[in-house]
Amino acid sequence: MNALLHVCCGPCASGALPRFREERPDCGVSLYFSNSNINTAEEFNLRLEQARRLAAADGADIAVDPYDHDSWLRDAAAGHECDPEKGMRCARCFLFSMRRAAAYAASHGYAAFTTSLTISPHKISSMVFEAGRAAAREHGVDFLEIDFKKKNGFLRSLERSAVLGLYRQSWCGCEFSLSAGARA
């Protein structure tokens, strides 16, 4: 089986990718960088560069979802700009990203997908899983519910991203979490 790992950033994926490979050695995995929530193209490109560095270091293929912040604002954030962190805007954001990952997985022959989003202690894994399951149903692929923060996943990502010299951001990327001072 081949799976797609949705990547929110290089540092988070630096902990998620090795764990995925350890737990599923019989499963091929490719990275899918999808981050239209990021509020500037410059920040998007900086995070993409780090994800590509990780992919090269770990010998993984990487595909890139074209940056489309206007669609994210319209489809995920509209009407929820003032929601608190970990609220409905975040749930809608996760669904936006999971739908894009599921669509890519389905159209490119992947049997399943998962996401590095669950490695962050600042993300509610059950909220991410709900979005992943919904997107999987819509696109006819499996969603692998892996809570990458378990087994010291976040600590592992901190250590690996330091070793690899990856830029580590301090917020998810959207302008609403930045103004709220939220952590990635």
N, C-alpha and C. Protein backbone atom coordinates (compact mmCIF):
# COMPACT_ATOMS: atom_id res chain seq x y z
N MET A 1 0.84 -1.18 0.00
CA MET A 1 0.00 0.00 0.00
C MET A 1 0.89 1.24 0.00
N ASN A 2 0.44 2.27 -0.70
CA ASN A 2 1.11 3.56 -0.68
C ASN A 2 0.21 4.56 0.02
N ALA A 3 0.82 5.40 0.85
CA ALA A 3 0.08 6.40 1.61
C ALA A 3 0.67 7.77 1.36
N LEU A 4 -0.15 8.76 1.61
CA LEU A 4 0.23 10.15 1.47
C LEU A 4 0.27 10.77 2.87
N LEU A 5 1.35 11.44 3.20
CA LEU A 5 1.47 12.13 4.47
C LEU A 5 1.32 13.63 4.22
N HIS A 6 0.16 14.17 4.61
CA HIS A 6 -0.03 15.61 4.54
C HIS A 6 0.97 16.26 5.47
N VAL A 7 1.69 17.25 4.96
CA VAL A 7 2.74 17.92 5.71
C VAL A 7 2.34 19.37 5.94
N CYS A 8 2.30 19.76 7.21
CA CYS A 8 2.01 21.16 7.54
C CYS A 8 3.29 21.98 7.53
N CYS A 9 4.43 21.34 7.84
CA CYS A 9 5.72 22.02 7.81
C CYS A 9 6.83 20.97 7.94
N GLY A 10 8.04 21.36 7.61
CA GLY A 10 9.17 20.45 7.73
C GLY A 10 9.44 19.98 9.14
N PRO A 11 9.44 20.87 10.13
CA PRO A 11 9.71 20.42 11.50
C PRO A 11 8.72 19.37 12.00
N CYS A 12 7.43 19.57 11.77
CA CYS A 12 6.45 18.57 12.22
C CYS A 12 6.65 17.25 11.47
N ALA A 13 6.87 17.35 10.18
CA ALA A 13 7.08 16.14 9.38
C ALA A 13 8.37 15.43 9.76
N SER A 14 9.34 16.16 10.32
CA SER A 14 10.62 15.53 10.69
C SER A 14 10.43 14.50 11.79
N GLY A 15 9.37 14.61 12.57
CA GLY A 15 9.05 13.60 13.57
C GLY A 15 8.05 12.58 13.06
N ALA A 16 7.13 13.02 12.21
CA ALA A 16 6.06 12.15 11.72
C ALA A 16 6.55 11.14 10.68
N LEU A 17 7.36 11.55 9.73
CA LEU A 17 7.79 10.66 8.65
C LEU A 17 8.57 9.45 9.16
N PRO A 18 9.58 9.62 10.01
CA PRO A 18 10.30 8.43 10.50
C PRO A 18 9.40 7.49 11.30
N ARG A 19 8.51 8.06 12.10
CA ARG A 19 7.62 7.20 12.88
C ARG A 19 6.69 6.43 11.96
N PHE A 20 6.16 7.07 10.94
CA PHE A 20 5.29 6.38 9.99
C PHE A 20 6.04 5.19 9.37
N ARG A 21 7.26 5.45 8.94
CA ARG A 21 8.05 4.39 8.31
C ARG A 21 8.38 3.26 9.29
N GLU A 22 8.63 3.60 10.55
CA GLU A 22 8.92 2.57 11.56
C GLU A 22 7.70 1.68 11.82
N GLU A 23 6.54 2.30 11.92
CA GLU A 23 5.33 1.56 12.25
C GLU A 23 4.70 0.87 11.06
N ARG A 24 5.01 1.30 9.87
CA ARG A 24 4.43 0.71 8.65
C ARG A 24 5.52 0.48 7.61
N PRO A 25 6.46 -0.41 7.92
CA PRO A 25 7.59 -0.61 7.00
C PRO A 25 7.18 -1.19 5.64
N ASP A 26 6.01 -1.78 5.57
CA ASP A 26 5.53 -2.35 4.31
C ASP A 26 4.74 -1.35 3.47
N CYS A 27 4.64 -0.13 3.95
CA CYS A 27 3.83 0.89 3.29
C CYS A 27 4.72 2.00 2.74
N GLY A 28 4.62 2.26 1.46
CA GLY A 28 5.33 3.40 0.89
C GLY A 28 4.66 4.69 1.31
N VAL A 29 5.43 5.76 1.44
CA VAL A 29 4.85 7.04 1.85
C VAL A 29 5.48 8.18 1.07
N SER A 30 4.63 9.11 0.65
CA SER A 30 5.06 10.34 -0.02
C SER A 30 4.51 11.52 0.77
N LEU A 31 5.19 12.65 0.67
CA LEU A 31 4.77 13.85 1.37
C LEU A 31 3.89 14.71 0.47
N TYR A 32 2.95 15.41 1.11
CA TYR A 32 2.07 16.33 0.40
C TYR A 32 2.01 17.63 1.19
N PHE A 33 2.71 18.64 0.72
CA PHE A 33 2.75 19.94 1.38
C PHE A 33 1.54 20.74 0.95
N SER A 34 0.64 21.02 1.90
CA SER A 34 -0.58 21.76 1.60
C SER A 34 -0.82 22.74 2.74
N ASN A 35 -0.69 24.03 2.46
CA ASN A 35 -0.74 25.05 3.52
C ASN A 35 -1.30 26.38 3.04
N SER A 36 -2.45 26.36 2.42
CA SER A 36 -3.03 27.63 1.96
C SER A 36 -3.50 28.51 3.10
N ASN A 37 -3.48 27.99 4.33
CA ASN A 37 -3.83 28.82 5.49
C ASN A 37 -2.76 29.86 5.79
N ILE A 38 -1.56 29.68 5.29
CA ILE A 38 -0.47 30.60 5.61
C ILE A 38 -0.75 31.96 4.98
N ASN A 39 -0.59 33.00 5.78
CA ASN A 39 -1.09 34.31 5.37
C ASN A 39 -0.24 35.06 4.35
N THR A 40 1.00 34.63 4.08
CA THR A 40 1.77 35.28 3.02
C THR A 40 2.46 34.23 2.15
N ALA A 41 2.65 34.58 0.90
CA ALA A 41 3.36 33.68 -0.01
C ALA A 41 4.81 33.49 0.45
N GLU A 42 5.40 34.52 1.04
CA GLU A 42 6.79 34.42 1.50
C GLU A 42 6.92 33.36 2.60
N GLU A 43 5.99 33.38 3.56
CA GLU A 43 6.02 32.38 4.63
C GLU A 43 5.72 30.99 4.08
N PHE A 44 4.76 30.90 3.15
CA PHE A 44 4.46 29.63 2.51
C PHE A 44 5.72 29.06 1.86
N ASN A 45 6.42 29.89 1.09
CA ASN A 45 7.62 29.42 0.39
C ASN A 45 8.74 29.04 1.35
N LEU A 46 8.88 29.76 2.44
CA LEU A 46 9.88 29.42 3.44
C LEU A 46 9.59 28.05 4.05
N ARG A 47 8.34 27.80 4.40
CA ARG A 47 7.97 26.50 4.97
C ARG A 47 8.08 25.39 3.93
N LEU A 48 7.74 25.69 2.70
CA LEU A 48 7.89 24.71 1.62
C LEU A 48 9.36 24.33 1.45
N GLU A 49 10.24 25.31 1.48
CA GLU A 49 11.68 25.05 1.35
C GLU A 49 12.14 24.07 2.45
N GLN A 50 11.64 24.26 3.66
CA GLN A 50 12.02 23.37 4.78
C GLN A 50 11.46 21.96 4.58
N ALA A 51 10.25 21.87 4.08
CA ALA A 51 9.66 20.55 3.80
C ALA A 51 10.45 19.84 2.70
N ARG A 52 10.89 20.58 1.71
CA ARG A 52 11.70 19.98 0.64
C ARG A 52 13.06 19.53 1.17
N ARG A 53 13.64 20.30 2.08
CA ARG A 53 14.92 19.90 2.70
C ARG A 53 14.74 18.59 3.46
N LEU A 54 13.65 18.48 4.20
CA LEU A 54 13.38 17.24 4.93
C LEU A 54 13.18 16.08 3.96
N ALA A 55 12.40 16.29 2.91
CA ALA A 55 12.16 15.24 1.92
C ALA A 55 13.47 14.75 1.33
N ALA A 56 14.36 15.67 0.99
CA ALA A 56 15.66 15.30 0.44
C ALA A 56 16.48 14.52 1.46
N ALA A 57 16.49 14.97 2.70
CA ALA A 57 17.26 14.30 3.75
C ALA A 57 16.75 12.90 4.02
N ASP A 58 15.44 12.71 3.92
CA ASP A 58 14.82 11.42 4.24
C ASP A 58 14.50 10.58 3.00
N GLY A 59 14.88 11.04 1.83
CA GLY A 59 14.65 10.28 0.61
C GLY A 59 13.18 10.05 0.32
N ALA A 60 12.38 11.09 0.48
CA ALA A 60 10.94 10.99 0.25
C ALA A 60 10.52 11.86 -0.93
N ASP A 61 9.54 11.38 -1.67
CA ASP A 61 8.93 12.21 -2.70
C ASP A 61 8.06 13.26 -2.02
N ILE A 62 7.95 14.42 -2.66
CA ILE A 62 7.09 15.47 -2.13
C ILE A 62 6.31 16.11 -3.27
N ALA A 63 5.02 16.28 -3.06
CA ALA A 63 4.15 17.00 -3.99
C ALA A 63 3.68 18.26 -3.27
N VAL A 64 3.37 19.28 -4.05
CA VAL A 64 3.00 20.57 -3.48
C VAL A 64 1.62 20.98 -3.97
N ASP A 65 0.76 21.27 -3.03
CA ASP A 65 -0.56 21.83 -3.33
C ASP A 65 -0.36 23.32 -3.59
N PRO A 66 -0.80 23.82 -4.73
CA PRO A 66 -0.60 25.24 -5.03
C PRO A 66 -1.18 26.14 -3.93
N TYR A 67 -0.45 27.17 -3.62
CA TYR A 67 -0.85 28.14 -2.61
C TYR A 67 -2.10 28.89 -3.06
N ASP A 68 -3.14 28.90 -2.23
CA ASP A 68 -4.39 29.56 -2.57
C ASP A 68 -5.04 30.10 -1.30
N HIS A 69 -4.43 31.14 -0.75
CA HIS A 69 -4.92 31.71 0.51
C HIS A 69 -6.32 32.30 0.37
N ASP A 70 -6.65 32.84 -0.80
CA ASP A 70 -7.99 33.40 -1.00
C ASP A 70 -9.06 32.32 -0.83
N SER A 71 -8.82 31.13 -1.37
CA SER A 71 -9.77 30.03 -1.20
C SER A 71 -9.88 29.64 0.27
N TRP A 72 -8.74 29.59 0.96
CA TRP A 72 -8.77 29.25 2.38
C TRP A 72 -9.57 30.28 3.17
N LEU A 73 -9.34 31.57 2.88
CA LEU A 73 -10.09 32.63 3.57
C LEU A 73 -11.60 32.46 3.34
N ARG A 74 -11.97 32.17 2.11
CA ARG A 74 -13.38 32.03 1.75
C ARG A 74 -13.99 30.75 2.33
N ASP A 75 -13.29 29.62 2.18
CA ASP A 75 -13.88 28.32 2.51
C ASP A 75 -13.66 27.88 3.95
N ALA A 76 -12.64 28.39 4.61
CA ALA A 76 -12.35 27.94 5.98
C ALA A 76 -12.54 29.04 7.02
N ALA A 77 -12.09 30.23 6.72
CA ALA A 77 -12.07 31.27 7.75
C ALA A 77 -13.28 32.20 7.75
N ALA A 78 -13.91 32.38 6.60
CA ALA A 78 -15.00 33.36 6.51
C ALA A 78 -16.07 33.12 7.57
N GLY A 79 -16.34 34.19 8.30
CA GLY A 79 -17.34 34.12 9.35
C GLY A 79 -16.80 33.61 10.68
N HIS A 80 -15.53 33.17 10.67
CA HIS A 80 -14.93 32.60 11.87
C HIS A 80 -13.62 33.30 12.24
N GLU A 81 -13.44 34.49 11.72
CA GLU A 81 -12.20 35.23 11.94
C GLU A 81 -11.93 35.50 13.43
N CYS A 82 -12.97 35.66 14.20
CA CYS A 82 -12.82 35.99 15.63
C CYS A 82 -12.95 34.77 16.55
N ASP A 83 -13.07 33.60 15.97
CA ASP A 83 -13.17 32.39 16.80
C ASP A 83 -11.89 32.22 17.61
N PRO A 84 -12.00 31.63 18.77
CA PRO A 84 -10.79 31.37 19.57
C PRO A 84 -9.96 30.26 18.93
N GLU A 85 -8.70 30.23 19.28
CA GLU A 85 -7.84 29.13 18.83
C GLU A 85 -8.43 27.81 19.33
N LYS A 86 -8.31 26.79 18.51
CA LYS A 86 -8.85 25.45 18.76
C LYS A 86 -10.37 25.42 18.66
N GLY A 87 -10.93 26.46 18.06
CA GLY A 87 -12.37 26.54 17.86
C GLY A 87 -12.78 26.14 16.45
N MET A 88 -13.93 26.64 16.04
CA MET A 88 -14.51 26.24 14.75
C MET A 88 -13.64 26.63 13.56
N ARG A 89 -12.96 27.77 13.61
CA ARG A 89 -12.08 28.15 12.49
C ARG A 89 -10.99 27.09 12.29
N CYS A 90 -10.42 26.60 13.37
CA CYS A 90 -9.38 25.58 13.27
C CYS A 90 -9.97 24.28 12.72
N ALA A 91 -11.16 23.91 13.18
CA ALA A 91 -11.81 22.69 12.66
C ALA A 91 -12.05 22.82 11.16
N ARG A 92 -12.50 23.99 10.72
CA ARG A 92 -12.74 24.22 9.30
C ARG A 92 -11.43 24.23 8.51
N CYS A 93 -10.38 24.77 9.12
CA CYS A 93 -9.07 24.78 8.49
C CYS A 93 -8.56 23.35 8.29
N PHE A 94 -8.69 22.52 9.33
CA PHE A 94 -8.27 21.12 9.20
C PHE A 94 -9.04 20.43 8.08
N LEU A 95 -10.35 20.67 8.03
CA LEU A 95 -11.16 20.04 6.99
C LEU A 95 -10.73 20.52 5.61
N PHE A 96 -10.44 21.80 5.47
CA PHE A 96 -9.96 22.35 4.19
C PHE A 96 -8.71 21.59 3.73
N SER A 97 -7.74 21.46 4.63
CA SER A 97 -6.48 20.78 4.28
C SER A 97 -6.68 19.29 4.05
N MET A 98 -7.50 18.66 4.87
CA MET A 98 -7.71 17.22 4.72
C MET A 98 -8.46 16.91 3.43
N ARG A 99 -9.38 17.77 3.04
CA ARG A 99 -10.07 17.57 1.75
C ARG A 99 -9.08 17.64 0.59
N ARG A 100 -8.16 18.57 0.65
CA ARG A 100 -7.19 18.71 -0.43
C ARG A 100 -6.26 17.50 -0.46
N ALA A 101 -5.84 17.04 0.71
CA ALA A 101 -4.97 15.86 0.76
C ALA A 101 -5.72 14.62 0.28
N ALA A 102 -6.95 14.45 0.70
CA ALA A 102 -7.74 13.28 0.28
C ALA A 102 -7.98 13.31 -1.22
N ALA A 103 -8.29 14.47 -1.76
CA ALA A 103 -8.51 14.58 -3.21
C ALA A 103 -7.24 14.23 -3.97
N TYR A 104 -6.10 14.72 -3.49
CA TYR A 104 -4.84 14.41 -4.15
C TYR A 104 -4.55 12.91 -4.05
N ALA A 105 -4.75 12.35 -2.87
CA ALA A 105 -4.51 10.91 -2.67
C ALA A 105 -5.37 10.10 -3.64
N ALA A 106 -6.65 10.41 -3.71
CA ALA A 106 -7.56 9.66 -4.57
C ALA A 106 -7.19 9.78 -6.04
N SER A 107 -6.83 10.97 -6.46
CA SER A 107 -6.54 11.18 -7.89
C SER A 107 -5.14 10.71 -8.31
N HIS A 108 -4.29 10.37 -7.33
CA HIS A 108 -2.93 9.93 -7.65
C HIS A 108 -2.65 8.50 -7.19
N GLY A 109 -3.68 7.75 -6.92
CA GLY A 109 -3.52 6.32 -6.67
C GLY A 109 -3.07 5.92 -5.27
N TYR A 110 -3.17 6.81 -4.31
CA TYR A 110 -2.83 6.45 -2.93
C TYR A 110 -4.04 5.80 -2.27
N ALA A 111 -3.81 4.75 -1.53
CA ALA A 111 -4.90 4.05 -0.86
C ALA A 111 -5.33 4.77 0.41
N ALA A 112 -4.42 5.55 1.00
CA ALA A 112 -4.69 6.18 2.29
C ALA A 112 -3.88 7.45 2.44
N PHE A 113 -4.27 8.24 3.45
CA PHE A 113 -3.51 9.43 3.79
C PHE A 113 -3.58 9.65 5.30
N THR A 114 -2.65 10.45 5.78
CA THR A 114 -2.62 10.87 7.17
C THR A 114 -2.02 12.27 7.20
N THR A 115 -1.75 12.79 8.39
CA THR A 115 -1.25 14.16 8.48
C THR A 115 -0.27 14.34 9.63
N SER A 116 0.68 15.22 9.42
CA SER A 116 1.65 15.56 10.47
C SER A 116 1.06 16.55 11.48
N LEU A 117 -0.12 17.08 11.24
CA LEU A 117 -0.73 18.05 12.15
C LEU A 117 -0.84 17.54 13.58
N THR A 118 -1.00 16.23 13.74
CA THR A 118 -1.22 15.68 15.08
C THR A 118 0.04 15.65 15.94
N ILE A 119 1.17 16.01 15.40
CA ILE A 119 2.40 16.00 16.20
C ILE A 119 2.45 17.19 17.17
N SER A 120 1.75 18.25 16.86
CA SER A 120 1.80 19.45 17.68
C SER A 120 0.95 19.30 18.95
N PRO A 121 1.53 19.64 20.09
CA PRO A 121 0.73 19.62 21.32
C PRO A 121 -0.30 20.75 21.33
N HIS A 122 -0.23 21.65 20.36
CA HIS A 122 -1.16 22.77 20.27
C HIS A 122 -2.36 22.45 19.38
N LYS A 123 -2.40 21.26 18.81
CA LYS A 123 -3.52 20.84 17.96
C LYS A 123 -4.26 19.71 18.67
N ILE A 124 -5.59 19.74 18.56
CA ILE A 124 -6.43 18.71 19.16
C ILE A 124 -6.56 17.57 18.15
N SER A 125 -5.92 16.44 18.45
CA SER A 125 -5.88 15.34 17.49
C SER A 125 -7.27 14.84 17.11
N SER A 126 -8.18 14.78 18.06
CA SER A 126 -9.53 14.30 17.73
C SER A 126 -10.21 15.20 16.71
N MET A 127 -9.93 16.50 16.74
CA MET A 127 -10.48 17.44 15.77
C MET A 127 -9.87 17.18 14.38
N VAL A 128 -8.58 16.91 14.36
CA VAL A 128 -7.91 16.59 13.10
C VAL A 128 -8.44 15.27 12.54
N PHE A 129 -8.61 14.27 13.42
CA PHE A 129 -9.13 12.97 12.99
C PHE A 129 -10.54 13.10 12.39
N GLU A 130 -11.37 13.90 13.01
CA GLU A 130 -12.74 14.09 12.50
C GLU A 130 -12.69 14.66 11.08
N ALA A 131 -11.83 15.65 10.86
CA ALA A 131 -11.69 16.24 9.53
C ALA A 131 -11.14 15.21 8.54
N GLY A 132 -10.16 14.43 8.97
CA GLY A 132 -9.58 13.41 8.10
C GLY A 132 -10.59 12.35 7.69
N ARG A 133 -11.39 11.89 8.64
CA ARG A 133 -12.42 10.89 8.34
C ARG A 133 -13.45 11.43 7.35
N ALA A 134 -13.88 12.68 7.57
CA ALA A 134 -14.87 13.29 6.67
C ALA A 134 -14.31 13.42 5.26
N ALA A 135 -13.09 13.89 5.14
CA ALA A 135 -12.46 14.04 3.82
C ALA A 135 -12.26 12.69 3.15
N ALA A 136 -11.89 11.69 3.92
CA ALA A 136 -11.69 10.34 3.37
C ALA A 136 -12.99 9.80 2.80
N ARG A 137 -14.09 9.97 3.52
CA ARG A 137 -15.39 9.52 3.02
C ARG A 137 -15.76 10.22 1.72
N GLU A 138 -15.51 11.52 1.65
CA GLU A 138 -15.84 12.30 0.45
C GLU A 138 -15.07 11.83 -0.77
N HIS A 139 -13.84 11.36 -0.57
CA HIS A 139 -12.97 11.06 -1.71
C HIS A 139 -12.66 9.58 -1.88
N GLY A 140 -13.22 8.72 -1.05
CA GLY A 140 -13.09 7.28 -1.23
C GLY A 140 -11.70 6.72 -0.97
N VAL A 141 -10.99 7.31 -0.01
CA VAL A 141 -9.70 6.79 0.41
C VAL A 141 -9.75 6.58 1.92
N ASP A 142 -8.79 5.87 2.45
CA ASP A 142 -8.72 5.64 3.90
C ASP A 142 -7.94 6.76 4.56
N PHE A 143 -8.36 7.09 5.78
CA PHE A 143 -7.61 8.04 6.60
C PHE A 143 -6.98 7.26 7.73
N LEU A 144 -5.68 7.37 7.88
CA LEU A 144 -4.95 6.67 8.94
C LEU A 144 -4.87 7.60 10.15
N GLU A 145 -5.53 7.22 11.22
CA GLU A 145 -5.56 8.04 12.43
C GLU A 145 -4.33 7.75 13.27
N ILE A 146 -3.31 8.54 13.05
CA ILE A 146 -2.06 8.39 13.79
C ILE A 146 -1.83 9.66 14.60
N ASP A 147 -1.77 9.51 15.91
CA ASP A 147 -1.49 10.66 16.77
C ASP A 147 0.03 10.73 16.93
N PHE A 148 0.66 11.51 16.08
CA PHE A 148 2.11 11.57 16.05
C PHE A 148 2.72 12.21 17.30
N LYS A 149 1.92 12.90 18.13
CA LYS A 149 2.49 13.48 19.34
C LYS A 149 2.78 12.40 20.38
N LYS A 150 2.15 11.24 20.26
CA LYS A 150 2.43 10.14 21.18
C LYS A 150 3.83 9.59 20.91
N LYS A 151 4.35 8.85 21.85
CA LYS A 151 5.70 8.28 21.75
C LYS A 151 6.75 9.38 21.58
N ASN A 152 6.56 10.49 22.30
CA ASN A 152 7.49 11.62 22.27
C ASN A 152 7.67 12.24 20.89
N GLY A 153 6.61 12.20 20.09
CA GLY A 153 6.69 12.70 18.73
C GLY A 153 7.10 14.15 18.61
N PHE A 154 6.53 15.00 19.46
CA PHE A 154 6.88 16.42 19.38
C PHE A 154 8.34 16.63 19.76
N LEU A 155 8.78 15.98 20.83
CA LEU A 155 10.18 16.08 21.24
C LEU A 155 11.10 15.59 20.11
N ARG A 156 10.70 14.49 19.50
CA ARG A 156 11.49 13.95 18.38
C ARG A 156 11.57 14.96 17.24
N SER A 157 10.46 15.64 16.97
CA SER A 157 10.48 16.64 15.89
C SER A 157 11.37 17.82 16.24
N LEU A 158 11.37 18.22 17.51
CA LEU A 158 12.27 19.30 17.94
C LEU A 158 13.73 18.91 17.73
N GLU A 159 14.06 17.69 18.14
CA GLU A 159 15.45 17.22 18.02
C GLU A 159 15.87 17.08 16.56
N ARG A 160 15.02 16.45 15.75
CA ARG A 160 15.39 16.25 14.34
C ARG A 160 15.46 17.56 13.58
N SER A 161 14.52 18.47 13.82
CA SER A 161 14.58 19.72 13.08
C SER A 161 15.80 20.55 13.48
N ALA A 162 16.25 20.41 14.73
CA ALA A 162 17.49 21.09 15.14
C ALA A 162 18.69 20.48 14.43
N VAL A 163 18.75 19.15 14.37
CA VAL A 163 19.86 18.47 13.69
C VAL A 163 19.89 18.84 12.21
N LEU A 164 18.71 18.91 11.59
CA LEU A 164 18.62 19.22 10.16
C LEU A 164 18.69 20.72 9.87
N GLY A 165 18.66 21.55 10.92
CA GLY A 165 18.72 23.00 10.76
C GLY A 165 17.48 23.58 10.10
N LEU A 166 16.31 23.01 10.41
CA LEU A 166 15.07 23.47 9.80
C LEU A 166 14.52 24.70 10.53
N TYR A 167 14.03 25.65 9.77
CA TYR A 167 13.32 26.80 10.32
C TYR A 167 12.08 26.30 11.04
N ARG A 168 11.94 26.68 12.29
CA ARG A 168 10.80 26.27 13.11
C ARG A 168 9.97 27.50 13.44
N GLN A 169 8.79 27.56 12.89
CA GLN A 169 7.89 28.69 13.10
C GLN A 169 7.19 28.56 14.45
N SER A 170 6.59 29.66 14.91
CA SER A 170 5.94 29.65 16.22
C SER A 170 4.42 29.80 16.15
N TRP A 171 3.84 29.74 14.94
CA TRP A 171 2.39 29.79 14.80
C TRP A 171 1.99 29.00 13.57
N CYS A 172 0.71 28.66 13.48
CA CYS A 172 0.24 27.78 12.40
C CYS A 172 0.41 28.41 11.02
N GLY A 173 0.36 29.73 10.96
CA GLY A 173 0.55 30.40 9.68
C GLY A 173 -0.55 31.37 9.31
N CYS A 174 -1.74 31.17 9.87
CA CYS A 174 -2.82 32.09 9.48
C CYS A 174 -2.73 33.39 10.26
N GLU A 175 -3.25 34.43 9.66
CA GLU A 175 -3.17 35.74 10.28
C GLU A 175 -3.99 35.84 11.56
N PHE A 176 -4.97 34.99 11.72
CA PHE A 176 -5.83 35.05 12.90
C PHE A 176 -5.11 34.44 14.11
N SER A 177 -4.40 33.36 13.91
CA SER A 177 -3.65 32.79 15.04
C SER A 177 -2.44 33.65 15.36
N LEU A 178 -1.85 34.28 14.36
CA LEU A 178 -0.71 35.17 14.61
C LEU A 178 -1.13 36.34 15.50
N SER A 179 -2.27 36.92 15.18
CA SER A 179 -2.73 38.06 15.97
C SER A 179 -3.17 37.62 17.37
N ALA A 180 -3.54 36.34 17.54
CA ALA A 180 -3.94 35.83 18.85
C ALA A 180 -2.75 35.33 19.65
N GLY A 181 -1.57 35.28 19.01
CA GLY A 181 -0.37 34.81 19.70
C GLY A 181 -0.34 33.31 19.90
N ALA A 182 -1.07 32.58 19.05
CA ALA A 182 -1.14 31.12 19.18
C ALA A 182 0.14 30.45 18.73
N ARG A 183 0.38 29.27 19.27
CA ARG A 183 1.55 28.48 18.92
C ARG A 183 1.17 27.46 17.85
N ALA A 184 2.20 27.06 17.07
CA ALA A 184 1.98 26.02 16.05
C ALA A 184 1.77 24.75 16.76
